Amino acid sequence: MELILATHNPNKVKEFERILSPLSVSVTTPRLEEVEETGSTFEENALLKAEAACKETGLPAAADDSGLAVDALNGQPGVYSARYAGEGASSSDRNRKLLHALKNVPVEKRSARFICAICCVFPNGDKITARGECEGFIAFEPKGTGGFGYDPLFLVGDKSFGELSGDEKDKMSHRGRALRKFAKKLKEYEEQSKC
């Protein structure tokens, strides 16, 4: 099956490919029209992107929307994670803004979670959805050079996502969890479609 992945983020593409590689799925990422993320939930934004990509290409299309929810900030930045420091801001800008917002917050109140919602839309209107979460804490400074986005600040145990290899991160991350659920549902869908 050819699956369109509606993202311009090469890091997300790598994660999708690593986890979906055991399936007979060929992931392609053509240049697609940008979709305005107007949803109020991760699920709504993933659906908007997947529907637009499916309509544009005529092929099954998957999209994810993910972000960081920090308890001390009432769940922010949430669905605005990528735009937290403004349009065009870098990951470093967003991380600096997050650290500034938490500058007087003690370690025990720095709990957070990464959330990922995946939606796949098929040309016949069928949909598959999956959600994954990973609980952790926000560090006081970036740790590690791996990963992307808020990874250097997100601690699981004594390591940040920025200090983990891709395989280590996939085993525990929000996207890894969502993708494993998605892969299982996609396999079941393919098997049912053959009947």
N, C-alpha and C. Protein backbone atom coordinates (compact mmCIF):
# COMPACT_ATOMS: atom_id res chain seq x y z
N MET A 1 0.85 -1.18 0.00
CA MET A 1 0.00 0.00 0.00
C MET A 1 0.89 1.24 0.00
N GLU A 2 0.54 2.19 -0.85
CA GLU A 2 1.22 3.48 -0.82
C GLU A 2 0.46 4.39 0.12
N LEU A 3 1.18 4.96 1.07
CA LEU A 3 0.57 5.82 2.08
C LEU A 3 1.22 7.19 1.99
N ILE A 4 0.40 8.21 1.76
CA ILE A 4 0.89 9.58 1.75
C ILE A 4 1.02 10.04 3.20
N LEU A 5 2.15 10.62 3.53
CA LEU A 5 2.35 11.16 4.86
C LEU A 5 2.32 12.68 4.76
N ALA A 6 1.32 13.27 5.37
CA ALA A 6 1.12 14.72 5.27
C ALA A 6 1.95 15.44 6.31
N THR A 7 3.23 15.61 6.02
CA THR A 7 4.11 16.38 6.90
C THR A 7 5.27 16.91 6.08
N HIS A 8 5.84 18.01 6.53
CA HIS A 8 7.05 18.56 5.95
C HIS A 8 8.21 18.38 6.93
N ASN A 9 7.98 17.63 8.00
CA ASN A 9 8.98 17.44 9.04
C ASN A 9 9.75 16.15 8.78
N PRO A 10 11.02 16.24 8.35
CA PRO A 10 11.78 15.02 8.05
C PRO A 10 11.99 14.10 9.25
N ASN A 11 11.99 14.66 10.45
CA ASN A 11 12.14 13.84 11.65
C ASN A 11 10.92 12.96 11.87
N LYS A 12 9.73 13.50 11.62
CA LYS A 12 8.52 12.69 11.74
C LYS A 12 8.50 11.59 10.69
N VAL A 13 8.96 11.91 9.48
CA VAL A 13 9.01 10.92 8.41
C VAL A 13 9.86 9.73 8.84
N LYS A 14 11.02 10.01 9.43
CA LYS A 14 11.92 8.92 9.88
C LYS A 14 11.23 8.05 10.92
N GLU A 15 10.52 8.67 11.86
CA GLU A 15 9.83 7.90 12.90
C GLU A 15 8.73 7.04 12.29
N PHE A 16 7.95 7.60 11.37
CA PHE A 16 6.91 6.82 10.69
C PHE A 16 7.54 5.63 9.96
N GLU A 17 8.59 5.88 9.20
CA GLU A 17 9.23 4.82 8.41
C GLU A 17 9.79 3.72 9.30
N ARG A 18 10.44 4.10 10.42
CA ARG A 18 11.02 3.09 11.32
C ARG A 18 9.95 2.16 11.86
N ILE A 19 8.82 2.70 12.26
CA ILE A 19 7.81 1.89 12.93
C ILE A 19 6.90 1.16 11.94
N LEU A 20 6.67 1.75 10.77
CA LEU A 20 5.80 1.09 9.79
C LEU A 20 6.58 0.15 8.85
N SER A 21 7.91 0.11 8.95
CA SER A 21 8.71 -0.69 8.03
C SER A 21 8.34 -2.19 8.01
N PRO A 22 7.91 -2.81 9.11
CA PRO A 22 7.54 -4.22 9.04
C PRO A 22 6.28 -4.49 8.19
N LEU A 23 5.46 -3.46 7.98
CA LEU A 23 4.26 -3.63 7.16
C LEU A 23 4.61 -3.43 5.69
N SER A 24 3.73 -3.86 4.83
CA SER A 24 3.95 -3.67 3.39
C SER A 24 3.42 -2.29 2.98
N VAL A 25 3.99 -1.25 3.62
CA VAL A 25 3.54 0.12 3.40
C VAL A 25 4.71 0.93 2.86
N SER A 26 4.47 1.61 1.77
CA SER A 26 5.45 2.52 1.20
C SER A 26 5.02 3.94 1.56
N VAL A 27 5.82 4.61 2.38
CA VAL A 27 5.49 5.96 2.83
C VAL A 27 6.10 6.97 1.86
N THR A 28 5.26 7.84 1.32
CA THR A 28 5.77 8.91 0.47
C THR A 28 5.31 10.25 1.02
N THR A 29 6.13 11.27 0.80
CA THR A 29 5.85 12.59 1.34
C THR A 29 5.97 13.64 0.23
N PRO A 30 4.96 13.70 -0.64
CA PRO A 30 5.01 14.71 -1.70
C PRO A 30 4.79 16.10 -1.12
N ARG A 31 5.18 17.10 -1.89
CA ARG A 31 4.90 18.49 -1.49
C ARG A 31 3.40 18.71 -1.58
N LEU A 32 2.79 19.00 -0.47
CA LEU A 32 1.34 19.19 -0.41
C LEU A 32 1.01 20.63 -0.03
N GLU A 33 -0.19 21.01 -0.33
CA GLU A 33 -0.66 22.33 0.10
C GLU A 33 -0.63 22.39 1.63
N GLU A 34 -0.22 23.53 2.16
CA GLU A 34 -0.25 23.72 3.62
C GLU A 34 -1.69 23.76 4.10
N VAL A 35 -1.94 23.14 5.21
CA VAL A 35 -3.28 23.12 5.80
C VAL A 35 -3.24 23.93 7.09
N GLU A 36 -4.16 24.85 7.23
CA GLU A 36 -4.23 25.63 8.46
C GLU A 36 -4.78 24.75 9.57
N GLU A 37 -4.04 24.67 10.66
CA GLU A 37 -4.43 23.82 11.79
C GLU A 37 -5.39 24.62 12.68
N THR A 38 -6.67 24.52 12.37
CA THR A 38 -7.69 25.30 13.08
C THR A 38 -8.40 24.49 14.17
N GLY A 39 -8.02 23.21 14.32
CA GLY A 39 -8.66 22.36 15.32
C GLY A 39 -8.30 22.78 16.73
N SER A 40 -9.16 22.41 17.67
CA SER A 40 -8.88 22.70 19.08
C SER A 40 -8.27 21.50 19.79
N THR A 41 -8.14 20.37 19.07
CA THR A 41 -7.52 19.17 19.64
C THR A 41 -6.50 18.62 18.64
N PHE A 42 -5.61 17.79 19.12
CA PHE A 42 -4.63 17.14 18.25
C PHE A 42 -5.36 16.28 17.20
N GLU A 43 -6.42 15.59 17.64
CA GLU A 43 -7.18 14.73 16.74
C GLU A 43 -7.80 15.53 15.59
N GLU A 44 -8.37 16.68 15.91
CA GLU A 44 -9.00 17.51 14.87
C GLU A 44 -7.97 17.99 13.85
N ASN A 45 -6.80 18.40 14.31
CA ASN A 45 -5.76 18.87 13.38
C ASN A 45 -5.21 17.73 12.52
N ALA A 46 -5.03 16.55 13.10
CA ALA A 46 -4.55 15.40 12.31
C ALA A 46 -5.56 15.06 11.23
N LEU A 47 -6.84 15.09 11.57
CA LEU A 47 -7.89 14.80 10.59
C LEU A 47 -7.90 15.84 9.46
N LEU A 48 -7.79 17.12 9.80
CA LEU A 48 -7.75 18.17 8.78
C LEU A 48 -6.63 17.92 7.77
N LYS A 49 -5.44 17.60 8.28
CA LYS A 49 -4.29 17.40 7.39
C LYS A 49 -4.44 16.13 6.55
N ALA A 50 -4.91 15.05 7.18
CA ALA A 50 -5.06 13.78 6.44
C ALA A 50 -6.14 13.90 5.37
N GLU A 51 -7.27 14.52 5.70
CA GLU A 51 -8.33 14.69 4.71
C GLU A 51 -7.86 15.51 3.51
N ALA A 52 -7.15 16.59 3.78
CA ALA A 52 -6.66 17.45 2.70
C ALA A 52 -5.68 16.70 1.80
N ALA A 53 -4.78 15.91 2.41
CA ALA A 53 -3.79 15.17 1.62
C ALA A 53 -4.45 14.08 0.79
N CYS A 54 -5.44 13.40 1.36
CA CYS A 54 -6.17 12.36 0.63
C CYS A 54 -6.91 12.97 -0.55
N LYS A 55 -7.55 14.10 -0.32
CA LYS A 55 -8.30 14.77 -1.38
C LYS A 55 -7.35 15.25 -2.49
N GLU A 56 -6.19 15.78 -2.10
CA GLU A 56 -5.23 16.32 -3.07
C GLU A 56 -4.59 15.22 -3.92
N THR A 57 -4.32 14.05 -3.32
CA THR A 57 -3.58 13.00 -4.02
C THR A 57 -4.45 11.85 -4.52
N GLY A 58 -5.63 11.67 -3.92
CA GLY A 58 -6.48 10.53 -4.27
C GLY A 58 -5.98 9.22 -3.69
N LEU A 59 -5.04 9.31 -2.74
CA LEU A 59 -4.44 8.12 -2.12
C LEU A 59 -4.70 8.14 -0.61
N PRO A 60 -4.57 6.96 0.05
CA PRO A 60 -4.66 6.95 1.51
C PRO A 60 -3.61 7.91 2.08
N ALA A 61 -4.01 8.72 3.04
CA ALA A 61 -3.10 9.71 3.61
C ALA A 61 -3.19 9.71 5.12
N ALA A 62 -2.02 9.79 5.75
CA ALA A 62 -1.93 9.83 7.20
C ALA A 62 -1.28 11.14 7.63
N ALA A 63 -1.69 11.63 8.77
CA ALA A 63 -1.08 12.82 9.35
C ALA A 63 -1.10 12.68 10.86
N ASP A 64 -0.16 13.34 11.48
CA ASP A 64 -0.21 13.37 12.93
C ASP A 64 -0.23 14.83 13.38
N ASP A 65 -0.73 15.04 14.55
CA ASP A 65 -0.56 16.32 15.21
C ASP A 65 -0.10 15.97 16.61
N SER A 66 0.93 16.64 17.03
CA SER A 66 1.49 16.30 18.32
C SER A 66 1.99 17.56 19.00
N GLY A 67 2.19 17.44 20.29
CA GLY A 67 2.68 18.58 21.02
C GLY A 67 2.91 18.26 22.48
N LEU A 68 3.28 19.28 23.20
CA LEU A 68 3.66 19.17 24.60
C LEU A 68 2.62 19.87 25.46
N ALA A 69 2.16 19.18 26.49
CA ALA A 69 1.21 19.76 27.44
C ALA A 69 1.88 19.82 28.82
N VAL A 70 2.09 21.01 29.32
CA VAL A 70 2.79 21.21 30.59
C VAL A 70 1.76 21.56 31.67
N ASP A 71 1.74 20.77 32.73
CA ASP A 71 0.73 20.94 33.78
C ASP A 71 0.78 22.32 34.44
N ALA A 72 1.98 22.82 34.73
CA ALA A 72 2.11 24.12 35.39
C ALA A 72 1.63 25.26 34.50
N LEU A 73 1.50 25.00 33.20
CA LEU A 73 1.03 26.02 32.24
C LEU A 73 -0.38 25.70 31.75
N ASN A 74 -1.13 24.95 32.57
CA ASN A 74 -2.52 24.59 32.23
C ASN A 74 -2.63 23.90 30.87
N GLY A 75 -1.67 23.02 30.58
CA GLY A 75 -1.72 22.24 29.34
C GLY A 75 -1.10 22.92 28.14
N GLN A 76 -0.58 24.12 28.32
CA GLN A 76 0.08 24.80 27.19
C GLN A 76 1.49 24.24 27.02
N PRO A 77 2.11 24.33 25.86
CA PRO A 77 1.60 24.97 24.66
C PRO A 77 0.57 24.15 23.89
N GLY A 78 0.40 22.87 24.17
CA GLY A 78 -0.67 22.07 23.57
C GLY A 78 -0.67 22.09 22.06
N VAL A 79 -1.84 22.32 21.45
CA VAL A 79 -1.94 22.29 19.98
C VAL A 79 -1.16 23.43 19.34
N TYR A 80 -0.70 24.38 20.15
CA TYR A 80 0.11 25.49 19.63
C TYR A 80 1.60 25.26 19.81
N SER A 81 2.01 24.03 20.10
CA SER A 81 3.42 23.73 20.40
C SER A 81 4.38 24.24 19.33
N ALA A 82 4.05 24.03 18.06
CA ALA A 82 4.94 24.45 16.98
C ALA A 82 4.94 25.97 16.80
N ARG A 83 3.89 26.64 17.28
CA ARG A 83 3.77 28.10 17.10
C ARG A 83 3.90 28.84 18.43
N TYR A 84 4.39 28.16 19.45
CA TYR A 84 4.43 28.69 20.81
C TYR A 84 5.21 30.00 20.91
N ALA A 85 6.29 30.12 20.17
CA ALA A 85 7.10 31.35 20.21
C ALA A 85 6.85 32.23 19.00
N GLY A 86 5.76 31.97 18.28
CA GLY A 86 5.41 32.76 17.12
C GLY A 86 5.75 32.05 15.82
N GLU A 87 5.12 32.49 14.74
CA GLU A 87 5.37 31.90 13.42
C GLU A 87 6.84 32.10 13.05
N GLY A 88 7.44 31.06 12.49
CA GLY A 88 8.82 31.15 12.03
C GLY A 88 9.86 31.00 13.13
N ALA A 89 9.44 30.83 14.37
CA ALA A 89 10.39 30.66 15.48
C ALA A 89 11.07 29.30 15.37
N SER A 90 12.29 29.23 15.84
CA SER A 90 13.05 27.97 15.82
C SER A 90 12.73 27.14 17.05
N SER A 91 13.18 25.89 17.03
CA SER A 91 13.03 25.03 18.22
C SER A 91 13.72 25.66 19.42
N SER A 92 14.87 26.26 19.19
CA SER A 92 15.60 26.92 20.29
C SER A 92 14.78 28.06 20.86
N ASP A 93 14.10 28.82 19.99
CA ASP A 93 13.24 29.92 20.46
C ASP A 93 12.11 29.38 21.34
N ARG A 94 11.48 28.31 20.88
CA ARG A 94 10.37 27.73 21.65
C ARG A 94 10.87 27.17 22.98
N ASN A 95 12.01 26.52 22.95
CA ASN A 95 12.56 25.97 24.20
C ASN A 95 12.91 27.08 25.18
N ARG A 96 13.49 28.17 24.68
CA ARG A 96 13.81 29.30 25.56
C ARG A 96 12.54 29.89 26.17
N LYS A 97 11.50 30.04 25.36
CA LYS A 97 10.24 30.59 25.88
C LYS A 97 9.66 29.67 26.95
N LEU A 98 9.71 28.36 26.71
CA LEU A 98 9.18 27.41 27.70
C LEU A 98 9.97 27.48 29.00
N LEU A 99 11.29 27.51 28.91
CA LEU A 99 12.11 27.60 30.12
C LEU A 99 11.82 28.91 30.86
N HIS A 100 11.64 29.98 30.14
CA HIS A 100 11.32 31.27 30.78
C HIS A 100 9.98 31.18 31.51
N ALA A 101 8.99 30.55 30.88
CA ALA A 101 7.67 30.42 31.49
C ALA A 101 7.71 29.58 32.77
N LEU A 102 8.69 28.67 32.84
CA LEU A 102 8.80 27.77 34.00
C LEU A 102 9.94 28.15 34.94
N LYS A 103 10.49 29.37 34.80
CA LYS A 103 11.72 29.71 35.54
C LYS A 103 11.59 29.61 37.06
N ASN A 104 10.42 29.86 37.62
CA ASN A 104 10.25 29.78 39.08
C ASN A 104 9.47 28.55 39.53
N VAL A 105 9.31 27.58 38.62
CA VAL A 105 8.54 26.38 38.93
C VAL A 105 9.49 25.29 39.44
N PRO A 106 9.24 24.77 40.65
CA PRO A 106 10.13 23.73 41.20
C PRO A 106 10.00 22.41 40.45
N VAL A 107 11.01 21.56 40.61
CA VAL A 107 11.11 20.31 39.86
C VAL A 107 9.85 19.45 39.99
N GLU A 108 9.26 19.39 41.19
CA GLU A 108 8.11 18.50 41.39
C GLU A 108 6.85 19.00 40.69
N LYS A 109 6.85 20.24 40.23
CA LYS A 109 5.67 20.79 39.54
C LYS A 109 5.92 20.97 38.04
N ARG A 110 6.96 20.34 37.52
CA ARG A 110 7.30 20.50 36.11
C ARG A 110 6.82 19.31 35.26
N SER A 111 5.77 18.63 35.73
CA SER A 111 5.25 17.47 35.00
C SER A 111 4.64 17.91 33.67
N ALA A 112 4.78 17.02 32.69
CA ALA A 112 4.29 17.32 31.34
C ALA A 112 4.07 16.01 30.61
N ARG A 113 3.44 16.12 29.45
CA ARG A 113 3.28 14.94 28.61
C ARG A 113 3.35 15.35 27.16
N PHE A 114 3.95 14.49 26.37
CA PHE A 114 3.89 14.63 24.93
C PHE A 114 2.67 13.85 24.47
N ILE A 115 1.93 14.41 23.52
CA ILE A 115 0.71 13.78 23.00
C ILE A 115 0.83 13.72 21.48
N CYS A 116 0.41 12.61 20.90
CA CYS A 116 0.39 12.46 19.45
C CYS A 116 -0.93 11.82 19.03
N ALA A 117 -1.59 12.46 18.08
CA ALA A 117 -2.80 11.88 17.47
C ALA A 117 -2.49 11.64 16.00
N ILE A 118 -2.81 10.45 15.52
CA ILE A 118 -2.62 10.10 14.11
C ILE A 118 -3.98 9.81 13.50
N CYS A 119 -4.16 10.28 12.29
CA CYS A 119 -5.38 9.98 11.54
C CYS A 119 -4.97 9.58 10.13
N CYS A 120 -5.60 8.54 9.63
CA CYS A 120 -5.42 8.10 8.25
C CYS A 120 -6.78 8.12 7.57
N VAL A 121 -6.83 8.75 6.42
CA VAL A 121 -8.08 8.86 5.66
C VAL A 121 -7.89 8.14 4.32
N PHE A 122 -8.87 7.32 3.97
CA PHE A 122 -8.84 6.56 2.71
C PHE A 122 -9.78 7.22 1.70
N PRO A 123 -9.49 7.04 0.40
CA PRO A 123 -10.34 7.66 -0.63
C PRO A 123 -11.83 7.28 -0.51
N ASN A 124 -12.13 6.11 0.05
CA ASN A 124 -13.53 5.70 0.20
C ASN A 124 -14.21 6.31 1.43
N GLY A 125 -13.47 7.14 2.18
CA GLY A 125 -14.03 7.79 3.36
C GLY A 125 -13.72 7.11 4.68
N ASP A 126 -13.15 5.89 4.64
CA ASP A 126 -12.78 5.20 5.88
C ASP A 126 -11.69 5.99 6.60
N LYS A 127 -11.65 5.82 7.93
CA LYS A 127 -10.64 6.51 8.74
C LYS A 127 -10.09 5.55 9.79
N ILE A 128 -8.83 5.73 10.09
CA ILE A 128 -8.18 5.03 11.21
C ILE A 128 -7.56 6.11 12.08
N THR A 129 -7.75 6.00 13.40
CA THR A 129 -7.15 6.97 14.31
C THR A 129 -6.40 6.24 15.42
N ALA A 130 -5.41 6.90 15.98
CA ALA A 130 -4.64 6.36 17.10
C ALA A 130 -4.08 7.53 17.91
N ARG A 131 -3.90 7.29 19.19
CA ARG A 131 -3.37 8.34 20.08
C ARG A 131 -2.33 7.71 21.00
N GLY A 132 -1.27 8.45 21.25
CA GLY A 132 -0.25 8.00 22.19
C GLY A 132 0.18 9.15 23.08
N GLU A 133 0.53 8.83 24.32
CA GLU A 133 1.02 9.84 25.25
C GLU A 133 2.25 9.31 25.97
N CYS A 134 3.11 10.23 26.39
CA CYS A 134 4.28 9.87 27.18
C CYS A 134 4.43 10.90 28.30
N GLU A 135 4.44 10.42 29.53
CA GLU A 135 4.56 11.29 30.70
C GLU A 135 6.02 11.56 31.00
N GLY A 136 6.30 12.79 31.44
CA GLY A 136 7.66 13.14 31.81
C GLY A 136 7.69 14.44 32.59
N PHE A 137 8.86 15.08 32.59
CA PHE A 137 9.08 16.35 33.29
C PHE A 137 9.89 17.27 32.39
N ILE A 138 9.78 18.56 32.63
CA ILE A 138 10.56 19.53 31.87
C ILE A 138 11.84 19.83 32.63
N ALA A 139 12.97 19.68 31.95
CA ALA A 139 14.28 19.94 32.54
C ALA A 139 14.48 21.44 32.77
N PHE A 140 15.53 21.78 33.50
CA PHE A 140 15.87 23.18 33.74
C PHE A 140 16.74 23.75 32.64
N GLU A 141 17.30 22.86 31.82
CA GLU A 141 18.11 23.29 30.67
C GLU A 141 18.12 22.16 29.65
N PRO A 142 18.38 22.47 28.39
CA PRO A 142 18.41 21.42 27.35
C PRO A 142 19.48 20.38 27.66
N LYS A 143 19.14 19.12 27.34
CA LYS A 143 20.08 18.00 27.52
C LYS A 143 20.09 17.17 26.25
N GLY A 144 21.26 17.02 25.65
CA GLY A 144 21.39 16.18 24.46
C GLY A 144 21.21 16.96 23.17
N THR A 145 21.66 16.36 22.09
CA THR A 145 21.60 17.02 20.78
C THR A 145 20.75 16.25 19.78
N GLY A 146 20.15 15.15 20.22
CA GLY A 146 19.32 14.36 19.34
C GLY A 146 17.88 14.83 19.35
N GLY A 147 17.06 14.14 18.56
CA GLY A 147 15.64 14.45 18.52
C GLY A 147 15.39 15.79 17.86
N PHE A 148 14.24 16.37 18.16
CA PHE A 148 13.87 17.66 17.59
C PHE A 148 12.82 18.32 18.48
N GLY A 149 12.52 19.56 18.21
CA GLY A 149 11.50 20.28 18.98
C GLY A 149 11.88 20.40 20.45
N TYR A 150 10.96 19.98 21.31
CA TYR A 150 11.16 20.09 22.75
C TYR A 150 11.93 18.90 23.34
N ASP A 151 12.39 17.98 22.50
CA ASP A 151 13.05 16.76 22.98
C ASP A 151 14.17 17.02 24.00
N PRO A 152 15.05 18.03 23.80
CA PRO A 152 16.13 18.23 24.78
C PRO A 152 15.65 18.67 26.16
N LEU A 153 14.39 19.11 26.26
CA LEU A 153 13.85 19.54 27.56
C LEU A 153 12.97 18.50 28.22
N PHE A 154 12.55 17.48 27.46
CA PHE A 154 11.57 16.53 27.98
C PHE A 154 12.28 15.33 28.61
N LEU A 155 12.16 15.22 29.93
CA LEU A 155 12.84 14.16 30.68
C LEU A 155 11.91 12.98 30.95
N VAL A 156 12.41 11.80 30.65
CA VAL A 156 11.77 10.55 31.07
C VAL A 156 12.83 9.84 31.90
N GLY A 157 12.59 9.77 33.21
CA GLY A 157 13.65 9.28 34.09
C GLY A 157 14.73 10.35 34.16
N ASP A 158 15.98 9.94 34.02
CA ASP A 158 17.07 10.92 34.12
C ASP A 158 17.62 11.33 32.75
N LYS A 159 16.95 10.91 31.67
CA LYS A 159 17.40 11.27 30.32
C LYS A 159 16.33 12.04 29.57
N SER A 160 16.79 12.96 28.74
CA SER A 160 15.86 13.68 27.89
C SER A 160 15.70 12.91 26.58
N PHE A 161 14.62 13.20 25.85
CA PHE A 161 14.45 12.61 24.53
C PHE A 161 15.63 12.98 23.63
N GLY A 162 16.24 14.13 23.89
CA GLY A 162 17.39 14.57 23.10
C GLY A 162 18.64 13.74 23.34
N GLU A 163 18.64 12.91 24.39
CA GLU A 163 19.79 12.05 24.69
C GLU A 163 19.58 10.61 24.24
N LEU A 164 18.41 10.30 23.70
CA LEU A 164 18.10 8.92 23.32
C LEU A 164 18.34 8.70 21.83
N SER A 165 18.66 7.45 21.48
CA SER A 165 18.73 7.09 20.06
C SER A 165 17.30 7.03 19.51
N GLY A 166 17.18 7.00 18.20
CA GLY A 166 15.86 6.90 17.57
C GLY A 166 15.09 5.69 18.05
N ASP A 167 15.77 4.54 18.13
CA ASP A 167 15.10 3.31 18.57
C ASP A 167 14.67 3.40 20.04
N GLU A 168 15.53 3.98 20.88
CA GLU A 168 15.17 4.13 22.30
C GLU A 168 13.96 5.04 22.45
N LYS A 169 13.96 6.13 21.70
CA LYS A 169 12.85 7.08 21.78
C LYS A 169 11.56 6.43 21.28
N ASP A 170 11.64 5.70 20.16
CA ASP A 170 10.44 5.05 19.60
C ASP A 170 9.75 4.14 20.60
N LYS A 171 10.53 3.48 21.46
CA LYS A 171 9.96 2.52 22.41
C LYS A 171 9.08 3.19 23.45
N MET A 172 9.34 4.47 23.76
CA MET A 172 8.59 5.11 24.85
C MET A 172 7.86 6.38 24.45
N SER A 173 8.16 6.92 23.28
CA SER A 173 7.60 8.22 22.93
C SER A 173 6.11 8.17 22.61
N HIS A 174 5.49 9.32 22.67
CA HIS A 174 4.08 9.50 22.31
C HIS A 174 3.84 9.06 20.87
N ARG A 175 4.73 9.47 19.96
CA ARG A 175 4.55 9.11 18.55
C ARG A 175 4.79 7.61 18.34
N GLY A 176 5.79 7.07 19.03
CA GLY A 176 6.04 5.63 18.93
C GLY A 176 4.83 4.83 19.39
N ARG A 177 4.24 5.24 20.50
CA ARG A 177 3.05 4.54 21.02
C ARG A 177 1.87 4.68 20.06
N ALA A 178 1.65 5.90 19.55
CA ALA A 178 0.55 6.11 18.61
C ALA A 178 0.79 5.33 17.32
N LEU A 179 2.03 5.32 16.84
CA LEU A 179 2.33 4.61 15.59
C LEU A 179 2.17 3.11 15.72
N ARG A 180 2.53 2.55 16.87
CA ARG A 180 2.33 1.10 17.05
C ARG A 180 0.85 0.75 17.03
N LYS A 181 0.02 1.57 17.68
CA LYS A 181 -1.43 1.36 17.64
C LYS A 181 -1.94 1.52 16.21
N PHE A 182 -1.45 2.54 15.52
CA PHE A 182 -1.85 2.81 14.15
C PHE A 182 -1.45 1.66 13.23
N ALA A 183 -0.21 1.16 13.39
CA ALA A 183 0.28 0.06 12.55
C ALA A 183 -0.60 -1.18 12.72
N LYS A 184 -1.00 -1.46 13.97
CA LYS A 184 -1.86 -2.62 14.23
C LYS A 184 -3.22 -2.43 13.54
N LYS A 185 -3.80 -1.25 13.68
CA LYS A 185 -5.10 -0.98 13.06
C LYS A 185 -5.01 -1.00 11.53
N LEU A 186 -3.89 -0.49 10.99
CA LEU A 186 -3.71 -0.47 9.54
C LEU A 186 -3.59 -1.89 8.99
N LYS A 187 -2.88 -2.74 9.72
CA LYS A 187 -2.73 -4.14 9.30
C LYS A 187 -4.10 -4.84 9.31
N GLU A 188 -4.87 -4.60 10.37
CA GLU A 188 -6.23 -5.19 10.45
C GLU A 188 -7.11 -4.66 9.31
N TYR A 189 -6.99 -3.39 9.00
CA TYR A 189 -7.78 -2.79 7.93
C TYR A 189 -7.43 -3.43 6.59
N GLU A 190 -6.13 -3.60 6.33
CA GLU A 190 -5.70 -4.22 5.08
C GLU A 190 -6.22 -5.64 4.96
N GLU A 191 -6.18 -6.39 6.09
CA GLU A 191 -6.65 -7.77 6.07
C GLU A 191 -8.15 -7.85 5.81
N GLN A 192 -8.91 -6.93 6.43
CA GLN A 192 -10.36 -6.91 6.22
C GLN A 192 -10.70 -6.49 4.79
N SER A 193 -9.89 -5.60 4.21
CA SER A 193 -10.15 -5.14 2.84
C SER A 193 -9.96 -6.23 1.81
N LYS A 194 -9.13 -7.23 2.16
CA LYS A 194 -8.88 -8.35 1.23
C LYS A 194 -10.02 -9.34 1.23
N CYS A 195 -10.87 -9.31 2.27
CA CYS A 195 -11.98 -10.27 2.38
C CYS A 195 -13.09 -9.98 1.38
